[in-house]
């Protein structure tokens, strides 16, 4: 899992509640995002990212991932405190697998992780 956020509690929430997450890389900057995608792209099962990031915009990141033939196979989950329909629709149209509205709920994360992990394993 590649987690792109500045909020440590989100990573802690996943580590504590999702036992299937054997390796999670948490990154905060644009440079780290590109480095992690280049280094670990084939090993990443799911990407969870903020829509609004300070150094890089989540939408730009989503576009970058969807343009790359190797990376676009990785489900990207966008998350934000913004629940405006236009933002959600834009993310989904750009290729996001799902959109989570914060505050995140543990059962929602568990269900989403399980679904995405199974889907990833089935489709390679």
PDB file of N, CA and C in Angstrom:
ATOM      1  N   UNK A   1       0.842  -1.171   0.000  1.00  0.00           N
ATOM      2  CA  UNK A   1       0.000   0.000   0.000  1.00  0.00           C
ATOM      3  C   UNK A   1       0.884   1.229   0.000  1.00  0.00           C
ATOM      4  N   UNK A   2       0.493   2.210  -0.813  1.00  0.00           N
ATOM      5  CA  UNK A   2       1.167   3.494  -0.834  1.00  0.00           C
ATOM      6  C   UNK A   2       0.184   4.510  -0.271  1.00  0.00           C
ATOM      7  N   UNK A   3       0.523   5.093   0.858  1.00  0.00           N
ATOM      8  CA  UNK A   3      -0.325   6.072   1.535  1.00  0.00           C
ATOM      9  C   UNK A   3       0.318   7.443   1.382  1.00  0.00           C
ATOM     10  N   UNK A   4      -0.437   8.376   0.772  1.00  0.00           N
ATOM     11  CA  UNK A   4       0.096   9.702   0.525  1.00  0.00           C
ATOM     12  C   UNK A   4      -0.705  10.696   1.358  1.00  0.00           C
ATOM     13  N   UNK A   5      -0.123  11.109   2.468  1.00  0.00           N
ATOM     14  CA  UNK A   5      -0.802  12.008   3.390  1.00  0.00           C
ATOM     15  C   UNK A   5       0.207  12.650   4.320  1.00  0.00           C
ATOM     16  N   UNK A   6      -0.174  13.780   4.885  1.00  0.00           N
ATOM     17  CA  UNK A   6       0.660  14.411   5.906  1.00  0.00           C
ATOM     18  C   UNK A   6       0.148  14.051   7.296  1.00  0.00           C
ATOM     19  N   UNK A   7      -0.941  13.334   7.366  1.00  0.00           N
ATOM     20  CA  UNK A   7      -1.564  13.024   8.647  1.00  0.00           C
ATOM     21  C   UNK A   7      -1.177  11.619   9.115  1.00  0.00           C
ATOM     22  N   UNK A   8      -0.390  11.555  10.149  1.00  0.00           N
ATOM     23  CA  UNK A   8       0.120  10.273  10.656  1.00  0.00           C
ATOM     24  C   UNK A   8      -0.988   9.352  11.163  1.00  0.00           C
ATOM     25  N   UNK A   9      -2.070   9.914  11.650  1.00  0.00           N
ATOM     26  CA  UNK A   9      -3.133   9.101  12.245  1.00  0.00           C
ATOM     27  C   UNK A   9      -3.785   8.189  11.212  1.00  0.00           C
ATOM     28  N   UNK A  10      -3.763   8.584   9.943  1.00  0.00           N
ATOM     29  CA  UNK A  10      -4.374   7.737   8.914  1.00  0.00           C
ATOM     30  C   UNK A  10      -3.553   6.456   8.752  1.00  0.00           C
ATOM     31  N   UNK A  11      -2.240   6.592   8.704  1.00  0.00           N
ATOM     32  CA  UNK A  11      -1.377   5.416   8.632  1.00  0.00           C
ATOM     33  C   UNK A  11      -1.530   4.532   9.845  1.00  0.00           C
ATOM     34  N   UNK A  12      -1.603   5.148  11.011  1.00  0.00           N
ATOM     35  CA  UNK A  12      -1.781   4.392  12.258  1.00  0.00           C
ATOM     36  C   UNK A  12      -3.106   3.646  12.246  1.00  0.00           C
ATOM     37  N   UNK A  13      -4.141   4.295  11.739  1.00  0.00           N
ATOM     38  CA  UNK A  13      -5.453   3.646  11.660  1.00  0.00           C
ATOM     39  C   UNK A  13      -5.387   2.392  10.801  1.00  0.00           C
ATOM     40  N   UNK A  14      -4.725   2.475   9.660  1.00  0.00           N
ATOM     41  CA  UNK A  14      -4.583   1.300   8.798  1.00  0.00           C
ATOM     42  C   UNK A  14      -3.742   0.219   9.460  1.00  0.00           C
ATOM     43  N   UNK A  15      -2.599   0.603   9.992  1.00  0.00           N
ATOM     44  CA  UNK A  15      -1.722  -0.400  10.610  1.00  0.00           C
ATOM     45  C   UNK A  15      -2.421  -1.144  11.746  1.00  0.00           C
ATOM     46  N   UNK A  16      -3.219  -0.428  12.490  1.00  0.00           N
ATOM     47  CA  UNK A  16      -3.886  -1.008  13.650  1.00  0.00           C
ATOM     48  C   UNK A  16      -5.084  -1.882  13.262  1.00  0.00           C
ATOM     49  N   UNK A  17      -5.785  -1.544  12.185  1.00  0.00           N
ATOM     50  CA  UNK A  17      -7.049  -2.198  11.875  1.00  0.00           C
ATOM     51  C   UNK A  17      -7.043  -3.114  10.667  1.00  0.00           C
ATOM     52  N   UNK A  18      -6.068  -3.030   9.810  1.00  0.00           N
ATOM     53  CA  UNK A  18      -6.067  -3.841   8.593  1.00  0.00           C
ATOM     54  C   UNK A  18      -4.861  -4.769   8.619  1.00  0.00           C
ATOM     55  N   UNK A  19      -5.093  -5.981   9.065  1.00  0.00           N
ATOM     56  CA  UNK A  19      -3.982  -6.929   9.220  1.00  0.00           C
ATOM     57  C   UNK A  19      -3.395  -7.359   7.877  1.00  0.00           C
ATOM     58  N   UNK A  20      -4.156  -7.221   6.791  1.00  0.00           N
ATOM     59  CA  UNK A  20      -3.675  -7.631   5.476  1.00  0.00           C
ATOM     60  C   UNK A  20      -2.618  -6.676   4.917  1.00  0.00           C
ATOM     61  N   UNK A  21      -2.472  -5.526   5.519  1.00  0.00           N
ATOM     62  CA  UNK A  21      -1.477  -4.575   5.046  1.00  0.00           C
ATOM     63  C   UNK A  21      -0.122  -4.991   5.615  1.00  0.00           C
ATOM     64  N   UNK A  22       0.626  -5.736   4.822  1.00  0.00           N
ATOM     65  CA  UNK A  22       1.909  -6.213   5.306  1.00  0.00           C
ATOM     66  C   UNK A  22       2.996  -5.162   5.127  1.00  0.00           C
ATOM     67  N   UNK A  23       2.867  -4.342   4.084  1.00  0.00           N
ATOM     68  CA  UNK A  23       3.855  -3.292   3.865  1.00  0.00           C
ATOM     69  C   UNK A  23       3.109  -2.020   3.469  1.00  0.00           C
ATOM     70  N   UNK A  24       3.363  -0.969   4.216  1.00  0.00           N
ATOM     71  CA  UNK A  24       2.752   0.311   3.899  1.00  0.00           C
ATOM     72  C   UNK A  24       3.846   1.362   3.854  1.00  0.00           C
ATOM     73  N   UNK A  25       3.904   2.079   2.742  1.00  0.00           N
ATOM     74  CA  UNK A  25       4.835   3.179   2.593  1.00  0.00           C
ATOM     75  C   UNK A  25       4.037   4.467   2.734  1.00  0.00           C
ATOM     76  N   UNK A  26       4.391   5.277   3.712  1.00  0.00           N
ATOM     77  CA  UNK A  26       3.715   6.551   3.929  1.00  0.00           C
ATOM     78  C   UNK A  26       4.647   7.656   3.473  1.00  0.00           C
ATOM     79  N   UNK A  27       4.150   8.498   2.563  1.00  0.00           N
ATOM     80  CA  UNK A  27       4.975   9.571   2.035  1.00  0.00           C
ATOM     81  C   UNK A  27       4.227  10.901   2.079  1.00  0.00           C
ATOM     82  N   UNK A  28       5.011  11.977   2.060  1.00  0.00           N
ATOM     83  CA  UNK A  28       4.436  13.305   2.254  1.00  0.00           C
ATOM     84  C   UNK A  28       4.748  14.292   1.142  1.00  0.00           C
ATOM     85  N   UNK A  29       5.777  14.054   0.341  1.00  0.00           N
ATOM     86  CA  UNK A  29       6.183  15.066  -0.640  1.00  0.00           C
ATOM     87  C   UNK A  29       6.082  14.533  -2.066  1.00  0.00           C
ATOM     88  N   UNK A  30       6.032  15.470  -2.999  1.00  0.00           N
ATOM     89  CA  UNK A  30       5.928  15.119  -4.418  1.00  0.00           C
ATOM     90  C   UNK A  30       7.102  14.264  -4.871  1.00  0.00           C
ATOM     91  N   UNK A  31       8.284  14.620  -4.449  1.00  0.00           N
ATOM     92  CA  UNK A  31       9.476  13.864  -4.844  1.00  0.00           C
ATOM     93  C   UNK A  31       9.395  12.429  -4.334  1.00  0.00           C
ATOM     94  N   UNK A  32       8.945  12.256  -3.105  1.00  0.00           N
ATOM     95  CA  UNK A  32       8.813  10.913  -2.551  1.00  0.00           C
ATOM     96  C   UNK A  32       7.759  10.101  -3.310  1.00  0.00           C
ATOM     97  N   UNK A  33       6.698  10.747  -3.765  1.00  0.00           N
ATOM     98  CA  UNK A  33       5.652  10.044  -4.512  1.00  0.00           C
ATOM     99  C   UNK A  33       6.238   9.440  -5.781  1.00  0.00           C
ATOM    100  N   UNK A  34       6.919  10.271  -6.565  1.00  0.00           N
ATOM    101  CA  UNK A  34       7.504   9.797  -7.818  1.00  0.00           C
ATOM    102  C   UNK A  34       8.549   8.714  -7.560  1.00  0.00           C
ATOM    103  N   UNK A  35       9.407   8.926  -6.565  1.00  0.00           N
ATOM    104  CA  UNK A  35      10.423   7.921  -6.229  1.00  0.00           C
ATOM    105  C   UNK A  35       9.785   6.601  -5.828  1.00  0.00           C
ATOM    106  N   UNK A  36       8.757   6.662  -4.994  1.00  0.00           N
ATOM    107  CA  UNK A  36       8.097   5.434  -4.537  1.00  0.00           C
ATOM    108  C   UNK A  36       7.404   4.723  -5.693  1.00  0.00           C
ATOM    109  N   UNK A  37       6.742   5.465  -6.562  1.00  0.00           N
ATOM    110  CA  UNK A  37       6.075   4.846  -7.709  1.00  0.00           C
ATOM    111  C   UNK A  37       7.086   4.189  -8.634  1.00  0.00           C
ATOM    112  N   UNK A  38       8.200   4.855  -8.871  1.00  0.00           N
ATOM    113  CA  UNK A  38       9.238   4.284  -9.739  1.00  0.00           C
ATOM    114  C   UNK A  38       9.903   3.063  -9.111  1.00  0.00           C
ATOM    115  N   UNK A  39      10.139   3.106  -7.800  1.00  0.00           N
ATOM    116  CA  UNK A  39      10.851   2.015  -7.128  1.00  0.00           C
ATOM    117  C   UNK A  39       9.951   0.838  -6.789  1.00  0.00           C
ATOM    118  N   UNK A  40       8.725   1.130  -6.384  1.00  0.00           N
ATOM    119  CA  UNK A  40       7.857   0.080  -5.857  1.00  0.00           C
ATOM    120  C   UNK A  40       6.613  -0.177  -6.688  1.00  0.00           C
ATOM    121  N   UNK A  41       6.482   0.458  -7.835  1.00  0.00           N
ATOM    122  CA  UNK A  41       5.262   0.380  -8.630  1.00  0.00           C
ATOM    123  C   UNK A  41       4.686  -1.010  -8.803  1.00  0.00           C
ATOM    124  N   UNK A  42       5.525  -1.970  -9.127  1.00  0.00           N
ATOM    125  CA  UNK A  42       5.025  -3.326  -9.365  1.00  0.00           C
ATOM    126  C   UNK A  42       4.597  -4.030  -8.083  1.00  0.00           C
ATOM    127  N   UNK A  43       5.024  -3.537  -6.930  1.00  0.00           N
ATOM    128  CA  UNK A  43       4.680  -4.165  -5.657  1.00  0.00           C
ATOM    129  C   UNK A  43       3.541  -3.466  -4.918  1.00  0.00           C
ATOM    130  N   UNK A  44       3.049  -2.371  -5.457  1.00  0.00           N
ATOM    131  CA  UNK A  44       1.988  -1.621  -4.789  1.00  0.00           C
ATOM    132  C   UNK A  44       0.632  -2.209  -5.146  1.00  0.00           C
ATOM    133  N   UNK A  45      -0.139  -2.566  -4.123  1.00  0.00           N
ATOM    134  CA  UNK A  45      -1.473  -3.132  -4.334  1.00  0.00           C
ATOM    135  C   UNK A  45      -2.550  -2.067  -4.403  1.00  0.00           C
ATOM    136  N   UNK A  46      -2.360  -0.979  -3.684  1.00  0.00           N
ATOM    137  CA  UNK A  46      -3.389   0.048  -3.604  1.00  0.00           C
ATOM    138  C   UNK A  46      -2.737   1.371  -3.208  1.00  0.00           C
ATOM    139  N   UNK A  47      -3.280   2.469  -3.733  1.00  0.00           N
ATOM    140  CA  UNK A  47      -2.790   3.798  -3.385  1.00  0.00           C
ATOM    141  C   UNK A  47      -3.932   4.555  -2.724  1.00  0.00           C
ATOM    142  N   UNK A  48      -3.674   5.095  -1.559  1.00  0.00           N
ATOM    143  CA  UNK A  48      -4.636   5.929  -0.844  1.00  0.00           C
ATOM    144  C   UNK A  48      -4.019   7.314  -0.729  1.00  0.00           C
ATOM    145  N   UNK A  49      -4.667   8.311  -1.325  1.00  0.00           N
ATOM    146  CA  UNK A  49      -4.077   9.648  -1.347  1.00  0.00           C
ATOM    147  C   UNK A  49      -5.099  10.731  -1.050  1.00  0.00           C
ATOM    148  N   UNK A  50      -4.594  11.812  -0.521  1.00  0.00           N
ATOM    149  CA  UNK A  50      -5.403  13.001  -0.277  1.00  0.00           C
ATOM    150  C   UNK A  50      -5.700  13.674  -1.615  1.00  0.00           C
ATOM    151  N   UNK A  51      -6.874  14.265  -1.743  1.00  0.00           N
ATOM    152  CA  UNK A  51      -7.192  15.057  -2.923  1.00  0.00           C
ATOM    153  C   UNK A  51      -6.363  16.336  -2.893  1.00  0.00           C
ATOM    154  N   UNK A  52      -6.251  16.937  -1.713  1.00  0.00           N
ATOM    155  CA  UNK A  52      -5.528  18.192  -1.570  1.00  0.00           C
ATOM    156  C   UNK A  52      -4.230  17.946  -0.820  1.00  0.00           C
ATOM    157  N   UNK A  53      -3.130  18.067  -1.539  1.00  0.00           N
ATOM    158  CA  UNK A  53      -1.796  17.921  -0.961  1.00  0.00           C
ATOM    159  C   UNK A  53      -1.076  19.252  -1.125  1.00  0.00           C
ATOM    160  N   UNK A  54      -0.173  19.557  -0.213  1.00  0.00           N
ATOM    161  CA  UNK A  54       0.494  20.858  -0.288  1.00  0.00           C
ATOM    162  C   UNK A  54       1.494  20.954  -1.439  1.00  0.00           C
ATOM    163  N   UNK A  55       2.366  19.980  -1.575  1.00  0.00           N
ATOM    164  CA  UNK A  55       3.408  20.095  -2.602  1.00  0.00           C
ATOM    165  C   UNK A  55       2.950  19.570  -3.955  1.00  0.00           C
ATOM    166  N   UNK A  56       2.025  18.689  -3.974  1.00  0.00           N
ATOM    167  CA  UNK A  56       1.500  18.159  -5.229  1.00  0.00           C
ATOM    168  C   UNK A  56       0.004  17.990  -5.065  1.00  0.00           C
ATOM    169  N   UNK A  57      -0.705  18.270  -6.064  1.00  0.00           N
ATOM    170  CA  UNK A  57      -2.150  18.116  -6.004  1.00  0.00           C
ATOM    171  C   UNK A  57      -2.513  16.674  -6.278  1.00  0.00           C
ATOM    172  N   UNK A  58      -3.460  16.182  -5.520  1.00  0.00           N
ATOM    173  CA  UNK A  58      -3.911  14.806  -5.676  1.00  0.00           C
ATOM    174  C   UNK A  58      -4.438  14.513  -7.068  1.00  0.00           C
ATOM    175  N   UNK A  59      -5.120  15.490  -7.656  1.00  0.00           N
ATOM    176  CA  UNK A  59      -5.659  15.304  -9.018  1.00  0.00           C
ATOM    177  C   UNK A  59      -4.523  15.131 -10.027  1.00  0.00           C
ATOM    178  N   UNK A  60      -3.463  15.924  -9.888  1.00  0.00           N
ATOM    179  CA  UNK A  60      -2.317  15.798 -10.793  1.00  0.00           C
ATOM    180  C   UNK A  60      -1.664  14.434 -10.631  1.00  0.00           C
ATOM    181  N   UNK A  61      -1.561  13.994  -9.394  1.00  0.00           N
ATOM    182  CA  UNK A  61      -0.994  12.676  -9.126  1.00  0.00           C
ATOM    183  C   UNK A  61      -1.845  11.587  -9.770  1.00  0.00           C
ATOM    184  N   UNK A  62      -3.158  11.695  -9.623  1.00  0.00           N
ATOM    185  CA  UNK A  62      -4.070  10.715 -10.218  1.00  0.00           C
ATOM    186  C   UNK A  62      -3.895  10.686 -11.740  1.00  0.00           C
ATOM    187  N   UNK A  63      -3.806  11.842 -12.370  1.00  0.00           N
ATOM    188  CA  UNK A  63      -3.594  11.909 -13.824  1.00  0.00           C
ATOM    189  C   UNK A  63      -2.273  11.246 -14.208  1.00  0.00           C
ATOM    190  N   UNK A  64      -1.223  11.520 -13.428  1.00  0.00           N
ATOM    191  CA  UNK A  64       0.084  10.937 -13.700  1.00  0.00           C
ATOM    192  C   UNK A  64       0.014   9.407 -13.652  1.00  0.00           C
ATOM    193  N   UNK A  65      -0.640   8.899 -12.646  1.00  0.00           N
ATOM    194  CA  UNK A  65      -0.747   7.446 -12.480  1.00  0.00           C
ATOM    195  C   UNK A  65      -1.549   6.837 -13.623  1.00  0.00           C
ATOM    196  N   UNK A  66      -2.656   7.463 -13.985  1.00  0.00           N
ATOM    197  CA  UNK A  66      -3.528   6.914 -15.024  1.00  0.00           C
ATOM    198  C   UNK A  66      -2.916   6.988 -16.424  1.00  0.00           C
ATOM    199  N   UNK A  67      -1.952   7.878 -16.636  1.00  0.00           N
ATOM    200  CA  UNK A  67      -1.266   7.975 -17.933  1.00  0.00           C
ATOM    201  C   UNK A  67      -0.182   6.913 -18.100  1.00  0.00           C
ATOM    202  N   UNK A  68       0.260   6.332 -16.985  1.00  0.00           N
ATOM    203  CA  UNK A  68       1.343   5.351 -17.010  1.00  0.00           C
ATOM    204  C   UNK A  68       0.743   3.951 -17.108  1.00  0.00           C
ATOM    205  N   UNK A  69       1.058   3.239 -18.185  1.00  0.00           N
ATOM    206  CA  UNK A  69       0.467   1.913 -18.422  1.00  0.00           C
ATOM    207  C   UNK A  69       0.739   0.920 -17.310  1.00  0.00           C
ATOM    208  N   UNK A  70       1.900   0.999 -16.690  1.00  0.00           N
ATOM    209  CA  UNK A  70       2.229   0.068 -15.612  1.00  0.00           C
ATOM    210  C   UNK A  70       1.529   0.446 -14.305  1.00  0.00           C
ATOM    211  N   UNK A  71       1.469   1.735 -14.009  1.00  0.00           N
ATOM    212  CA  UNK A  71       0.897   2.188 -12.743  1.00  0.00           C
ATOM    213  C   UNK A  71      -0.628   2.203 -12.734  1.00  0.00           C
ATOM    214  N   UNK A  72      -1.247   2.385 -13.878  1.00  0.00           N
ATOM    215  CA  UNK A  72      -2.707   2.539 -13.917  1.00  0.00           C
ATOM    216  C   UNK A  72      -3.469   1.294 -13.448  1.00  0.00           C
ATOM    217  N   UNK A  73      -2.785   0.172 -13.340  1.00  0.00           N
ATOM    218  CA  UNK A  73      -3.425  -1.054 -12.833  1.00  0.00           C
ATOM    219  C   UNK A  73      -3.641  -1.006 -11.317  1.00  0.00           C
ATOM    220  N   UNK A  74      -2.987  -0.067 -10.643  1.00  0.00           N
ATOM    221  CA  UNK A  74      -3.083   0.050  -9.185  1.00  0.00           C
ATOM    222  C   UNK A  74      -4.324   0.866  -8.837  1.00  0.00           C
ATOM    223  N   UNK A  75      -5.229   0.311  -8.029  1.00  0.00           N
ATOM    224  CA  UNK A  75      -6.401   1.096  -7.623  1.00  0.00           C
ATOM    225  C   UNK A  75      -5.976   2.299  -6.783  1.00  0.00           C
ATOM    226  N   UNK A  76      -6.490   3.464  -7.146  1.00  0.00           N
ATOM    227  CA  UNK A  76      -6.189   4.697  -6.427  1.00  0.00           C
ATOM    228  C   UNK A  76      -7.461   5.151  -5.707  1.00  0.00           C
ATOM    229  N   UNK A  77      -7.359   5.289  -4.396  1.00  0.00           N
ATOM    230  CA  UNK A  77      -8.469   5.761  -3.581  1.00  0.00           C
ATOM    231  C   UNK A  77      -8.157   7.197  -3.183  1.00  0.00           C
ATOM    232  N   UNK A  78      -9.036   8.104  -3.533  1.00  0.00           N
ATOM    233  CA  UNK A  78      -8.874   9.505  -3.171  1.00  0.00           C
ATOM    234  C   UNK A  78      -9.621   9.748  -1.869  1.00  0.00           C
ATOM    235  N   UNK A  79      -9.113  10.657  -1.033  1.00  0.00           N
ATOM    236  CA  UNK A  79      -9.805  10.971   0.220  1.00  0.00           C
ATOM    237  C   UNK A  79      -9.706  12.464   0.498  1.00  0.00           C
ATOM    238  N   UNK A  80     -10.757  12.978   1.104  1.00  0.00           N
ATOM    239  CA  UNK A  80     -10.806  14.398   1.428  1.00  0.00           C
ATOM    240  C   UNK A  80     -11.949  14.653   2.393  1.00  0.00           C
ATOM    241  N   UNK A  81     -11.862  15.762   3.094  1.00  0.00           N
ATOM    242  CA  UNK A  81     -12.978  16.192   3.928  1.00  0.00           C
ATOM    243  C   UNK A  81     -14.058  16.834   3.066  1.00  0.00           C
ATOM    244  N   UNK A  82     -13.722  17.152   1.821  1.00  0.00           N
ATOM    245  CA  UNK A  82     -14.679  17.739   0.886  1.00  0.00           C
ATOM    246  C   UNK A  82     -15.580  16.643   0.325  1.00  0.00           C
ATOM    247  N   UNK A  83     -16.885  16.820   0.465  1.00  0.00           N
ATOM    248  CA  UNK A  83     -17.802  15.812  -0.077  1.00  0.00           C
ATOM    249  C   UNK A  83     -18.658  16.385  -1.200  1.00  0.00           C
ATOM    250  N   UNK A  84     -18.123  17.391  -1.892  1.00  0.00           N
ATOM    251  CA  UNK A  84     -18.831  17.988  -3.012  1.00  0.00           C
ATOM    252  C   UNK A  84     -18.906  16.988  -4.161  1.00  0.00           C
ATOM    253  N   UNK A  85     -20.085  16.845  -4.715  1.00  0.00           N
ATOM    254  CA  UNK A  85     -20.313  15.891  -5.785  1.00  0.00           C
ATOM    255  C   UNK A  85     -19.371  16.145  -6.957  1.00  0.00           C
ATOM    256  N   UNK A  86     -19.128  17.395  -7.295  1.00  0.00           N
ATOM    257  CA  UNK A  86     -18.275  17.707  -8.447  1.00  0.00           C
ATOM    258  C   UNK A  86     -16.848  17.183  -8.254  1.00  0.00           C
ATOM    259  N   UNK A  87     -16.339  17.254  -7.039  1.00  0.00           N
ATOM    260  CA  UNK A  87     -14.985  16.763  -6.759  1.00  0.00           C
ATOM    261  C   UNK A  87     -14.944  15.238  -6.846  1.00  0.00           C
ATOM    262  N   UNK A  88     -15.947  14.603  -6.264  1.00  0.00           N
ATOM    263  CA  UNK A  88     -16.018  13.141  -6.299  1.00  0.00           C
ATOM    264  C   UNK A  88     -16.101  12.665  -7.746  1.00  0.00           C
ATOM    265  N   UNK A  89     -16.992  13.252  -8.525  1.00  0.00           N
ATOM    266  CA  UNK A  89     -17.173  12.858  -9.928  1.00  0.00           C
ATOM    267  C   UNK A  89     -15.887  13.080 -10.714  1.00  0.00           C
ATOM    268  N   UNK A  90     -15.226  14.200 -10.490  1.00  0.00           N
ATOM    269  CA  UNK A  90     -13.975  14.480 -11.206  1.00  0.00           C
ATOM    270  C   UNK A  90     -12.930  13.405 -10.912  1.00  0.00           C
ATOM    271  N   UNK A  91     -12.788  13.049  -9.643  1.00  0.00           N
ATOM    272  CA  UNK A  91     -11.818  12.001  -9.272  1.00  0.00           C
ATOM    273  C   UNK A  91     -12.156  10.679  -9.948  1.00  0.00           C
ATOM    274  N   UNK A  92     -13.413  10.304  -9.927  1.00  0.00           N
ATOM    275  CA  UNK A  92     -13.824   9.040 -10.534  1.00  0.00           C
ATOM    276  C   UNK A  92     -13.633   9.068 -12.047  1.00  0.00           C
ATOM    277  N   UNK A  93     -13.925  10.193 -12.682  1.00  0.00           N
ATOM    278  CA  UNK A  93     -13.723  10.312 -14.130  1.00  0.00           C
ATOM    279  C   UNK A  93     -12.245  10.247 -14.508  1.00  0.00           C
ATOM    280  N   UNK A  94     -11.396  10.741 -13.620  1.00  0.00           N
ATOM    281  CA  UNK A  94      -9.955  10.702 -13.883  1.00  0.00           C
ATOM    282  C   UNK A  94      -9.362   9.318 -13.648  1.00  0.00           C
ATOM    283  N   UNK A  95     -10.153   8.413 -13.062  1.00  0.00           N
ATOM    284  CA  UNK A  95      -9.677   7.039 -12.897  1.00  0.00           C
ATOM    285  C   UNK A  95      -9.603   6.525 -11.481  1.00  0.00           C
ATOM    286  N   UNK A  96      -9.989   7.318 -10.502  1.00  0.00           N
ATOM    287  CA  UNK A  96      -9.962   6.835  -9.113  1.00  0.00           C
ATOM    288  C   UNK A  96     -10.893   5.634  -8.965  1.00  0.00           C
ATOM    289  N   UNK A  97     -10.470   4.672  -8.179  1.00  0.00           N
ATOM    290  CA  UNK A  97     -11.292   3.487  -7.923  1.00  0.00           C
ATOM    291  C   UNK A  97     -12.407   3.795  -6.925  1.00  0.00           C
ATOM    292  N   UNK A  98     -12.152   4.762  -6.040  1.00  0.00           N
ATOM    293  CA  UNK A  98     -13.153   5.137  -5.038  1.00  0.00           C
ATOM    294  C   UNK A  98     -12.767   6.469  -4.434  1.00  0.00           C
ATOM    295  N   UNK A  99     -13.658   6.989  -3.605  1.00  0.00           N
ATOM    296  CA  UNK A  99     -13.461   8.287  -2.958  1.00  0.00           C
ATOM    297  C   UNK A  99     -13.974   8.164  -1.535  1.00  0.00           C
ATOM    298  N   UNK A 100     -13.145   8.491  -0.579  1.00  0.00           N
ATOM    299  CA  UNK A 100     -13.530   8.431   0.827  1.00  0.00           C
ATOM    300  C   UNK A 100     -13.653   9.840   1.392  1.00  0.00           C
ATOM    301  N   UNK A 101     -14.714  10.056   2.160  1.00  0.00           N
ATOM    302  CA  UNK A 101     -14.903  11.338   2.822  1.00  0.00           C
ATOM    303  C   UNK A 101     -14.436  11.198   4.264  1.00  0.00           C
ATOM    304  N   UNK A 102     -13.543  12.122   4.672  1.00  0.00           N
ATOM    305  CA  UNK A 102     -13.064  12.117   6.047  1.00  0.00           C
ATOM    306  C   UNK A 102     -14.077  12.834   6.929  1.00  0.00           C
ATOM    307  N   UNK A 103     -14.207  12.471   8.167  1.00  0.00           N
ATOM    308  CA  UNK A 103     -13.323  11.532   8.869  1.00  0.00           C
ATOM    309  C   UNK A 103     -13.573  10.092   8.420  1.00  0.00           C
ATOM    310  N   UNK A 104     -12.485   9.374   8.312  1.00  0.00           N
ATOM    311  CA  UNK A 104     -12.549   7.984   7.876  1.00  0.00           C
ATOM    312  C   UNK A 104     -13.070   7.099   8.998  1.00  0.00           C
ATOM    313  N   UNK A 105     -13.878   6.137   8.634  1.00  0.00           N
ATOM    314  CA  UNK A 105     -14.417   5.189   9.602  1.00  0.00           C
ATOM    315  C   UNK A 105     -13.708   3.845   9.422  1.00  0.00           C
ATOM    316  N   UNK A 106     -13.388   3.217  10.510  1.00  0.00           N
ATOM    317  CA  UNK A 106     -12.623   1.972  10.483  1.00  0.00           C
ATOM    318  C   UNK A 106     -13.295   0.910   9.625  1.00  0.00           C
ATOM    319  N   UNK A 107     -14.588   0.693   9.799  1.00  0.00           N
ATOM    320  CA  UNK A 107     -15.259  -0.362   9.035  1.00  0.00           C
ATOM    321  C   UNK A 107     -15.259  -0.037   7.539  1.00  0.00           C
ATOM    322  N   UNK A 108     -15.345   1.236   7.195  1.00  0.00           N
ATOM    323  CA  UNK A 108     -15.293   1.639   5.793  1.00  0.00           C
ATOM    324  C   UNK A 108     -13.917   1.320   5.203  1.00  0.00           C
ATOM    325  N   UNK A 109     -12.864   1.605   5.938  1.00  0.00           N
ATOM    326  CA  UNK A 109     -11.510   1.298   5.486  1.00  0.00           C
ATOM    327  C   UNK A 109     -11.294  -0.203   5.324  1.00  0.00           C
ATOM    328  N   UNK A 110     -11.758  -0.956   6.277  1.00  0.00           N
ATOM    329  CA  UNK A 110     -11.602  -2.415   6.208  1.00  0.00           C
ATOM    330  C   UNK A 110     -12.319  -2.994   4.997  1.00  0.00           C
ATOM    331  N   UNK A 111     -13.554  -2.571   4.784  1.00  0.00           N
ATOM    332  CA  UNK A 111     -14.330  -3.076   3.646  1.00  0.00           C
ATOM    333  C   UNK A 111     -13.698  -2.682   2.318  1.00  0.00           C
ATOM    334  N   UNK A 112     -13.292  -1.442   2.218  1.00  0.00           N
ATOM    335  CA  UNK A 112     -12.681  -0.963   0.992  1.00  0.00           C
ATOM    336  C   UNK A 112     -11.365  -1.684   0.726  1.00  0.00           C
ATOM    337  N   UNK A 113     -10.540  -1.787   1.748  1.00  0.00           N
ATOM    338  CA  UNK A 113      -9.255  -2.480   1.586  1.00  0.00           C
ATOM    339  C   UNK A 113      -9.483  -3.921   1.132  1.00  0.00           C
ATOM    340  N   UNK A 114     -10.391  -4.630   1.748  1.00  0.00           N
ATOM    341  CA  UNK A 114     -10.665  -6.021   1.395  1.00  0.00           C
ATOM    342  C   UNK A 114     -11.125  -6.129  -0.057  1.00  0.00           C
ATOM    343  N   UNK A 115     -12.043  -5.268  -0.448  1.00  0.00           N
ATOM    344  CA  UNK A 115     -12.552  -5.289  -1.814  1.00  0.00           C
ATOM    345  C   UNK A 115     -11.450  -4.997  -2.831  1.00  0.00           C
ATOM    346  N   UNK A 116     -10.677  -3.956  -2.601  1.00  0.00           N
ATOM    347  CA  UNK A 116      -9.623  -3.579  -3.539  1.00  0.00           C
ATOM    348  C   UNK A 116      -8.510  -4.622  -3.594  1.00  0.00           C
ATOM    349  N   UNK A 117      -8.179  -5.171  -2.447  1.00  0.00           N
ATOM    350  CA  UNK A 117      -7.128  -6.193  -2.404  1.00  0.00           C
ATOM    351  C   UNK A 117      -7.554  -7.425  -3.199  1.00  0.00           C
ATOM    352  N   UNK A 118      -8.800  -7.865  -3.001  1.00  0.00           N
ATOM    353  CA  UNK A 118      -9.306  -9.024  -3.766  1.00  0.00           C
ATOM    354  C   UNK A 118      -9.343  -8.735  -5.255  1.00  0.00           C
ATOM    355  N   UNK A 119      -9.837  -7.551  -5.594  1.00  0.00           N
ATOM    356  CA  UNK A 119      -9.925  -7.166  -7.003  1.00  0.00           C
ATOM    357  C   UNK A 119      -8.547  -7.151  -7.640  1.00  0.00           C
ATOM    358  N   UNK A 120      -7.591  -6.617  -6.937  1.00  0.00           N
ATOM    359  CA  UNK A 120      -6.209  -6.548  -7.443  1.00  0.00           C
ATOM    360  C   UNK A 120      -5.637  -7.935  -7.650  1.00  0.00           C
ATOM    361  N   UNK A 121      -5.876  -8.827  -6.705  1.00  0.00           N
ATOM    362  CA  UNK A 121      -5.371 -10.191  -6.815  1.00  0.00           C
ATOM    363  C   UNK A 121      -6.029 -10.958  -7.950  1.00  0.00           C
ATOM    364  N   UNK A 122      -7.326 -10.735  -8.174  1.00  0.00           N
ATOM    365  CA  UNK A 122      -8.053 -11.428  -9.235  1.00  0.00           C
ATOM    366  C   UNK A 122      -7.619 -10.965 -10.617  1.00  0.00           C
ATOM    367  N   UNK A 123      -7.336  -9.684 -10.762  1.00  0.00           N
ATOM    368  CA  UNK A 123      -7.024  -9.124 -12.076  1.00  0.00           C
ATOM    369  C   UNK A 123      -5.538  -8.934 -12.319  1.00  0.00           C
ATOM    370  N   UNK A 124      -4.747  -9.299 -11.310  1.00  0.00           N
ATOM    371  CA  UNK A 124      -3.295  -9.225 -11.466  1.00  0.00           C
ATOM    372  C   UNK A 124      -2.830  -7.841 -11.511  1.00  0.00           C
TER     373      UNK A 124
END
